[in-house]
């Protein structure tokens, strides 16, 4: 269910088993995609506190208790880097929330945290779930986050992090069929994200690339 870039719609149509990888660029052609979980009767957990340093009102994002998306040590002593981490975290949560709600267009929260190119990429990824009537559940830790500020004015950034999909699964909403990462598949996925700070001070996702393996957990 790894998150990867969708170069063509056909590339996903030929994927037999979806892994738990989120949308974005990828050089692992066997990766699938996820971001969310079935709400069922679960009570949504509260969104993280407002991110970033600006006074812009961030959207409230909720995820159900049966999908635990956690962020281990997403902290920095640099306030600008912390703002990048905060908004990148909420962007990831917004994407999973869109799958939870079966919103192929991503919903308002994802549009808030994505540039137009980032949103186009994420919509393709989300539709690989909504088109197949799939949701997700389980545990998905995101860890080893590292941020690099780019440019003299520090309005661009690169973020890398890893996820561990070993306890995350897809479920068919109609048949309730559950699938996880196939045996022998590396459950860890390495991500590279590019972000840009907009005029309101929000760090928005421009693009995401992923590679299965390459993490140090």
C-alpha atoms as a PDB file:
ATOM      1  CA  UNK A   1       0.000   0.000   0.000  1.00  0.00           C
ATOM      2  CA  UNK A   2       2.879   2.339  -0.564  1.00  0.00           C
ATOM      3  CA  UNK A   3       2.357   5.887  -1.711  1.00  0.00           C
ATOM      4  CA  UNK A   4       3.733   6.425  -5.195  1.00  0.00           C
ATOM      5  CA  UNK A   5       3.493   8.575  -8.294  1.00  0.00           C
ATOM      6  CA  UNK A   6       0.918   7.530 -10.823  1.00  0.00           C
ATOM      7  CA  UNK A   7       2.585   7.790 -14.196  1.00  0.00           C
ATOM      8  CA  UNK A   8      -0.415   6.316 -16.030  1.00  0.00           C
ATOM      9  CA  UNK A   9      -3.792   4.963 -15.026  1.00  0.00           C
ATOM     10  CA  UNK A  10      -2.852   1.643 -16.605  1.00  0.00           C
ATOM     11  CA  UNK A  11       0.061   1.277 -14.202  1.00  0.00           C
ATOM     12  CA  UNK A  12      -2.380   0.825 -11.343  1.00  0.00           C
ATOM     13  CA  UNK A  13      -4.864  -1.241 -13.269  1.00  0.00           C
ATOM     14  CA  UNK A  14      -2.226  -3.955 -13.611  1.00  0.00           C
ATOM     15  CA  UNK A  15      -1.368  -4.007  -9.889  1.00  0.00           C
ATOM     16  CA  UNK A  16      -2.802  -7.256  -8.546  1.00  0.00           C
ATOM     17  CA  UNK A  17      -2.410  -6.541  -4.841  1.00  0.00           C
ATOM     18  CA  UNK A  18      -2.506  -3.106  -3.243  1.00  0.00           C
ATOM     19  CA  UNK A  19       0.097  -2.473  -0.594  1.00  0.00           C
ATOM     20  CA  UNK A  20      -0.238   0.270   1.993  1.00  0.00           C
ATOM     21  CA  UNK A  21       1.770   2.949   0.208  1.00  0.00           C
ATOM     22  CA  UNK A  22       0.622   6.527  -0.116  1.00  0.00           C
ATOM     23  CA  UNK A  23       0.487   8.352  -3.454  1.00  0.00           C
ATOM     24  CA  UNK A  24       3.491  10.039  -4.979  1.00  0.00           C
ATOM     25  CA  UNK A  25       6.450   9.286  -7.195  1.00  0.00           C
ATOM     26  CA  UNK A  26       7.882   5.813  -6.999  1.00  0.00           C
ATOM     27  CA  UNK A  27      10.537   3.665  -8.569  1.00  0.00           C
ATOM     28  CA  UNK A  28       8.980   0.509  -7.157  1.00  0.00           C
ATOM     29  CA  UNK A  29       6.516  -0.647  -9.788  1.00  0.00           C
ATOM     30  CA  UNK A  30       5.045  -3.278  -7.474  1.00  0.00           C
ATOM     31  CA  UNK A  31       3.899  -0.777  -4.858  1.00  0.00           C
ATOM     32  CA  UNK A  32       0.226  -0.009  -4.293  1.00  0.00           C
ATOM     33  CA  UNK A  33      -1.334   2.845  -2.346  1.00  0.00           C
ATOM     34  CA  UNK A  34      -3.316   3.771   0.796  1.00  0.00           C
ATOM     35  CA  UNK A  35      -4.384   6.640   3.025  1.00  0.00           C
ATOM     36  CA  UNK A  36      -7.234   5.964   5.424  1.00  0.00           C
ATOM     37  CA  UNK A  37      -9.468   3.432   7.058  1.00  0.00           C
ATOM     38  CA  UNK A  38     -13.086   2.366   7.226  1.00  0.00           C
ATOM     39  CA  UNK A  39     -14.963   4.472   9.723  1.00  0.00           C
ATOM     40  CA  UNK A  40     -17.335   1.674  10.647  1.00  0.00           C
ATOM     41  CA  UNK A  41     -18.640   2.352  14.146  1.00  0.00           C
ATOM     42  CA  UNK A  42     -15.349   3.767  15.328  1.00  0.00           C
ATOM     43  CA  UNK A  43     -15.216   7.170  16.952  1.00  0.00           C
ATOM     44  CA  UNK A  44     -12.882   9.534  15.061  1.00  0.00           C
ATOM     45  CA  UNK A  45      -9.851  10.743  16.923  1.00  0.00           C
ATOM     46  CA  UNK A  46      -9.266  14.452  17.257  1.00  0.00           C
ATOM     47  CA  UNK A  47      -7.049  16.241  14.775  1.00  0.00           C
ATOM     48  CA  UNK A  48      -3.609  17.346  15.843  1.00  0.00           C
ATOM     49  CA  UNK A  49      -3.299  20.931  17.010  1.00  0.00           C
ATOM     50  CA  UNK A  50      -2.995  23.683  14.444  1.00  0.00           C
ATOM     51  CA  UNK A  51       0.258  23.422  12.550  1.00  0.00           C
ATOM     52  CA  UNK A  52       2.683  26.009  11.281  1.00  0.00           C
ATOM     53  CA  UNK A  53       3.529  29.422  12.658  1.00  0.00           C
ATOM     54  CA  UNK A  54       0.999  31.548  10.784  1.00  0.00           C
ATOM     55  CA  UNK A  55      -2.402  32.547  12.140  1.00  0.00           C
ATOM     56  CA  UNK A  56      -4.228  30.816   9.294  1.00  0.00           C
ATOM     57  CA  UNK A  57      -7.049  28.574  10.503  1.00  0.00           C
ATOM     58  CA  UNK A  58      -6.129  24.999   9.593  1.00  0.00           C
ATOM     59  CA  UNK A  59      -8.878  22.483   8.755  1.00  0.00           C
ATOM     60  CA  UNK A  60      -9.859  19.958  11.402  1.00  0.00           C
ATOM     61  CA  UNK A  61      -8.999  16.412  10.326  1.00  0.00           C
ATOM     62  CA  UNK A  62     -10.251  13.242  12.002  1.00  0.00           C
ATOM     63  CA  UNK A  63      -9.264   9.611  11.568  1.00  0.00           C
ATOM     64  CA  UNK A  64     -11.075   6.590  13.021  1.00  0.00           C
ATOM     65  CA  UNK A  65      -9.584   4.666  15.912  1.00  0.00           C
ATOM     66  CA  UNK A  66      -9.208   1.529  13.802  1.00  0.00           C
ATOM     67  CA  UNK A  67      -6.555   3.255  11.699  1.00  0.00           C
ATOM     68  CA  UNK A  68      -3.614   4.445  13.770  1.00  0.00           C
ATOM     69  CA  UNK A  69      -1.438   6.808  11.756  1.00  0.00           C
ATOM     70  CA  UNK A  70       1.332   7.828  14.133  1.00  0.00           C
ATOM     71  CA  UNK A  71       4.296  10.181  13.781  1.00  0.00           C
ATOM     72  CA  UNK A  72       7.369   9.216  15.747  1.00  0.00           C
ATOM     73  CA  UNK A  73       9.777  12.056  16.588  1.00  0.00           C
ATOM     74  CA  UNK A  74       8.486  14.489  13.978  1.00  0.00           C
ATOM     75  CA  UNK A  75      10.181  17.314  15.828  1.00  0.00           C
ATOM     76  CA  UNK A  76      12.860  19.925  15.179  1.00  0.00           C
ATOM     77  CA  UNK A  77      14.469  22.640  17.284  1.00  0.00           C
ATOM     78  CA  UNK A  78      14.198  24.952  14.253  1.00  0.00           C
ATOM     79  CA  UNK A  79      10.732  26.594  14.217  1.00  0.00           C
ATOM     80  CA  UNK A  80      10.609  26.775  10.409  1.00  0.00           C
ATOM     81  CA  UNK A  81      11.480  23.099  10.051  1.00  0.00           C
ATOM     82  CA  UNK A  82       8.863  22.290  12.682  1.00  0.00           C
ATOM     83  CA  UNK A  83       6.264  24.183  10.665  1.00  0.00           C
ATOM     84  CA  UNK A  84       7.175  22.071   7.623  1.00  0.00           C
ATOM     85  CA  UNK A  85       6.823  18.871   9.644  1.00  0.00           C
ATOM     86  CA  UNK A  86       3.490  19.976  11.099  1.00  0.00           C
ATOM     87  CA  UNK A  87       1.889  20.787   7.759  1.00  0.00           C
ATOM     88  CA  UNK A  88       3.342  17.708   6.064  1.00  0.00           C
ATOM     89  CA  UNK A  89       1.889  15.568   8.845  1.00  0.00           C
ATOM     90  CA  UNK A  90      -1.563  17.105   8.427  1.00  0.00           C
ATOM     91  CA  UNK A  91      -1.366  16.700   4.645  1.00  0.00           C
ATOM     92  CA  UNK A  92      -0.770  12.981   5.108  1.00  0.00           C
ATOM     93  CA  UNK A  93      -3.648  12.725   7.577  1.00  0.00           C
ATOM     94  CA  UNK A  94      -5.910  14.609   5.162  1.00  0.00           C
ATOM     95  CA  UNK A  95      -5.168  12.130   2.405  1.00  0.00           C
ATOM     96  CA  UNK A  96      -6.067   9.168   4.585  1.00  0.00           C
ATOM     97  CA  UNK A  97      -9.197  10.960   5.766  1.00  0.00           C
ATOM     98  CA  UNK A  98     -10.259  11.326   2.134  1.00  0.00           C
ATOM     99  CA  UNK A  99     -10.036   7.566   1.655  1.00  0.00           C
ATOM    100  CA  UNK A 100     -11.978   7.043   4.882  1.00  0.00           C
ATOM    101  CA  UNK A 101     -14.764   9.244   3.541  1.00  0.00           C
ATOM    102  CA  UNK A 102     -14.469   7.734   0.029  1.00  0.00           C
ATOM    103  CA  UNK A 103     -13.799  11.173  -1.450  1.00  0.00           C
ATOM    104  CA  UNK A 104     -11.993  10.672  -4.784  1.00  0.00           C
ATOM    105  CA  UNK A 105     -11.444  14.432  -5.108  1.00  0.00           C
ATOM    106  CA  UNK A 106      -9.562  14.508  -1.813  1.00  0.00           C
ATOM    107  CA  UNK A 107     -11.829  16.834   0.137  1.00  0.00           C
ATOM    108  CA  UNK A 108     -11.240  20.380   1.353  1.00  0.00           C
ATOM    109  CA  UNK A 109      -8.508  19.521   3.858  1.00  0.00           C
ATOM    110  CA  UNK A 110      -6.270  17.886   1.265  1.00  0.00           C
ATOM    111  CA  UNK A 111      -6.768  20.812  -1.111  1.00  0.00           C
ATOM    112  CA  UNK A 112      -5.673  23.090   1.732  1.00  0.00           C
ATOM    113  CA  UNK A 113      -2.363  21.245   2.151  1.00  0.00           C
ATOM    114  CA  UNK A 114      -1.647  20.499  -1.538  1.00  0.00           C
ATOM    115  CA  UNK A 115      -0.526  22.641  -4.436  1.00  0.00           C
ATOM    116  CA  UNK A 116      -2.469  22.054  -7.662  1.00  0.00           C
ATOM    117  CA  UNK A 117       0.127  19.546  -8.856  1.00  0.00           C
ATOM    118  CA  UNK A 118       0.212  17.799  -5.489  1.00  0.00           C
ATOM    119  CA  UNK A 119      -3.584  17.555  -5.411  1.00  0.00           C
ATOM    120  CA  UNK A 120      -3.712  16.122  -8.933  1.00  0.00           C
ATOM    121  CA  UNK A 121      -1.214  13.447  -7.897  1.00  0.00           C
ATOM    122  CA  UNK A 122      -3.076  12.628  -4.690  1.00  0.00           C
ATOM    123  CA  UNK A 123      -6.439  12.392  -6.442  1.00  0.00           C
ATOM    124  CA  UNK A 124      -5.063   9.736  -8.766  1.00  0.00           C
ATOM    125  CA  UNK A 125      -3.763   7.824  -5.758  1.00  0.00           C
ATOM    126  CA  UNK A 126      -7.010   8.087  -3.760  1.00  0.00           C
ATOM    127  CA  UNK A 127      -9.044   6.852  -6.736  1.00  0.00           C
ATOM    128  CA  UNK A 128      -7.037   3.619  -6.779  1.00  0.00           C
ATOM    129  CA  UNK A 129      -8.930   2.920  -3.548  1.00  0.00           C
ATOM    130  CA  UNK A 130     -12.294   4.522  -4.175  1.00  0.00           C
ATOM    131  CA  UNK A 131     -12.562   2.994  -7.658  1.00  0.00           C
ATOM    132  CA  UNK A 132     -12.051  -0.462  -6.118  1.00  0.00           C
ATOM    133  CA  UNK A 133     -14.273   0.289  -3.114  1.00  0.00           C
ATOM    134  CA  UNK A 134     -11.360  -0.248  -0.714  1.00  0.00           C
ATOM    135  CA  UNK A 135     -10.615   1.263   2.664  1.00  0.00           C
ATOM    136  CA  UNK A 136      -7.796   0.645   5.134  1.00  0.00           C
ATOM    137  CA  UNK A 137      -7.315  -0.138   8.800  1.00  0.00           C
ATOM    138  CA  UNK A 138      -4.563  -1.140  11.217  1.00  0.00           C
ATOM    139  CA  UNK A 139      -1.414   0.671  12.269  1.00  0.00           C
ATOM    140  CA  UNK A 140       0.848   2.819  10.099  1.00  0.00           C
ATOM    141  CA  UNK A 141       3.778   4.494  11.885  1.00  0.00           C
ATOM    142  CA  UNK A 142       5.638   7.275  10.082  1.00  0.00           C
ATOM    143  CA  UNK A 143       9.161   7.755  11.421  1.00  0.00           C
ATOM    144  CA  UNK A 144      12.696   9.043  10.799  1.00  0.00           C
ATOM    145  CA  UNK A 145      11.525  12.398   9.413  1.00  0.00           C
ATOM    146  CA  UNK A 146      14.246  14.748   8.169  1.00  0.00           C
ATOM    147  CA  UNK A 147      13.683  18.232   6.747  1.00  0.00           C
ATOM    148  CA  UNK A 148      15.927  20.408   4.577  1.00  0.00           C
ATOM    149  CA  UNK A 149      15.027  24.042   3.852  1.00  0.00           C
ATOM    150  CA  UNK A 150      15.793  25.175   0.308  1.00  0.00           C
ATOM    151  CA  UNK A 151      16.494  28.524  -1.298  1.00  0.00           C
ATOM    152  CA  UNK A 152      17.741  31.786   0.173  1.00  0.00           C
ATOM    153  CA  UNK A 153      14.273  32.773   1.372  1.00  0.00           C
ATOM    154  CA  UNK A 154      13.529  29.306   2.802  1.00  0.00           C
ATOM    155  CA  UNK A 155      10.114  29.011   1.178  1.00  0.00           C
ATOM    156  CA  UNK A 156      10.789  25.546  -0.246  1.00  0.00           C
ATOM    157  CA  UNK A 157      11.658  22.358   1.591  1.00  0.00           C
ATOM    158  CA  UNK A 158      12.458  18.694   1.117  1.00  0.00           C
ATOM    159  CA  UNK A 159      11.190  16.118   3.591  1.00  0.00           C
ATOM    160  CA  UNK A 160      12.105  12.455   3.874  1.00  0.00           C
ATOM    161  CA  UNK A 161      10.496   9.879   6.133  1.00  0.00           C
ATOM    162  CA  UNK A 162       9.644   6.191   6.368  1.00  0.00           C
ATOM    163  CA  UNK A 163       6.515   4.167   7.032  1.00  0.00           C
ATOM    164  CA  UNK A 164       6.098   0.595   8.235  1.00  0.00           C
ATOM    165  CA  UNK A 165       3.139  -1.157   6.582  1.00  0.00           C
ATOM    166  CA  UNK A 166       3.483  -4.514   8.349  1.00  0.00           C
ATOM    167  CA  UNK A 167       0.333  -3.937  10.429  1.00  0.00           C
ATOM    168  CA  UNK A 168      -1.734  -1.961   7.909  1.00  0.00           C
ATOM    169  CA  UNK A 169      -4.376  -3.581   5.695  1.00  0.00           C
ATOM    170  CA  UNK A 170      -6.968  -2.923   2.996  1.00  0.00           C
ATOM    171  CA  UNK A 171     -10.587  -4.017   3.283  1.00  0.00           C
ATOM    172  CA  UNK A 172     -13.173  -4.304   0.547  1.00  0.00           C
ATOM    173  CA  UNK A 173     -16.170  -2.277   1.709  1.00  0.00           C
ATOM    174  CA  UNK A 174     -18.673  -4.707   0.140  1.00  0.00           C
ATOM    175  CA  UNK A 175     -17.109  -8.130   0.666  1.00  0.00           C
ATOM    176  CA  UNK A 176     -15.028  -7.280   3.778  1.00  0.00           C
ATOM    177  CA  UNK A 177     -12.077  -9.102   2.177  1.00  0.00           C
ATOM    178  CA  UNK A 178      -8.850  -8.093   3.928  1.00  0.00           C
ATOM    179  CA  UNK A 179      -5.415  -7.922   2.327  1.00  0.00           C
ATOM    180  CA  UNK A 180      -2.017  -6.833   3.599  1.00  0.00           C
ATOM    181  CA  UNK A 181       1.484  -6.731   2.181  1.00  0.00           C
ATOM    182  CA  UNK A 182       2.248  -9.974   0.304  1.00  0.00           C
ATOM    183  CA  UNK A 183       4.691 -12.395   1.912  1.00  0.00           C
ATOM    184  CA  UNK A 184       8.282 -11.480   1.121  1.00  0.00           C
ATOM    185  CA  UNK A 185       7.468  -7.811   0.518  1.00  0.00           C
ATOM    186  CA  UNK A 186       9.514  -5.251   2.451  1.00  0.00           C
ATOM    187  CA  UNK A 187       6.917  -3.467   4.628  1.00  0.00           C
ATOM    188  CA  UNK A 188       8.985  -0.301   4.981  1.00  0.00           C
ATOM    189  CA  UNK A 189       8.700   2.523   2.441  1.00  0.00           C
ATOM    190  CA  UNK A 190      11.017   5.519   2.092  1.00  0.00           C
ATOM    191  CA  UNK A 191       9.393   8.822   1.043  1.00  0.00           C
ATOM    192  CA  UNK A 192      10.766  12.029  -0.430  1.00  0.00           C
ATOM    193  CA  UNK A 193       8.380  14.987  -0.372  1.00  0.00           C
ATOM    194  CA  UNK A 194       8.831  18.462  -1.823  1.00  0.00           C
ATOM    195  CA  UNK A 195       6.913  21.341  -0.242  1.00  0.00           C
ATOM    196  CA  UNK A 196       6.405  25.028  -0.884  1.00  0.00           C
ATOM    197  CA  UNK A 197       5.264  27.744   1.497  1.00  0.00           C
ATOM    198  CA  UNK A 198       2.307  29.677   0.127  1.00  0.00           C
ATOM    199  CA  UNK A 199       1.408  33.331   0.664  1.00  0.00           C
ATOM    200  CA  UNK A 200      -0.619  32.454   3.768  1.00  0.00           C
ATOM    201  CA  UNK A 201       2.301  30.668   5.405  1.00  0.00           C
ATOM    202  CA  UNK A 202       1.049  27.115   4.802  1.00  0.00           C
ATOM    203  CA  UNK A 203       3.584  24.517   3.691  1.00  0.00           C
ATOM    204  CA  UNK A 204       1.910  22.710   0.791  1.00  0.00           C
ATOM    205  CA  UNK A 205       2.814  19.389  -0.802  1.00  0.00           C
ATOM    206  CA  UNK A 206       4.168  19.756  -4.349  1.00  0.00           C
ATOM    207  CA  UNK A 207       5.098  16.126  -5.039  1.00  0.00           C
ATOM    208  CA  UNK A 208       5.809  12.819  -3.319  1.00  0.00           C
ATOM    209  CA  UNK A 209       8.114   9.990  -4.338  1.00  0.00           C
ATOM    210  CA  UNK A 210       8.448   6.625  -2.652  1.00  0.00           C
ATOM    211  CA  UNK A 211      10.770   3.648  -2.694  1.00  0.00           C
ATOM    212  CA  UNK A 212      10.093   0.348  -0.978  1.00  0.00           C
ATOM    213  CA  UNK A 213      12.918  -0.445   1.427  1.00  0.00           C
ATOM    214  CA  UNK A 214      15.812   1.867   2.200  1.00  0.00           C
ATOM    215  CA  UNK A 215      14.664   2.690   5.733  1.00  0.00           C
ATOM    216  CA  UNK A 216      16.601   2.357   8.948  1.00  0.00           C
ATOM    217  CA  UNK A 217      14.112   1.451  11.657  1.00  0.00           C
END
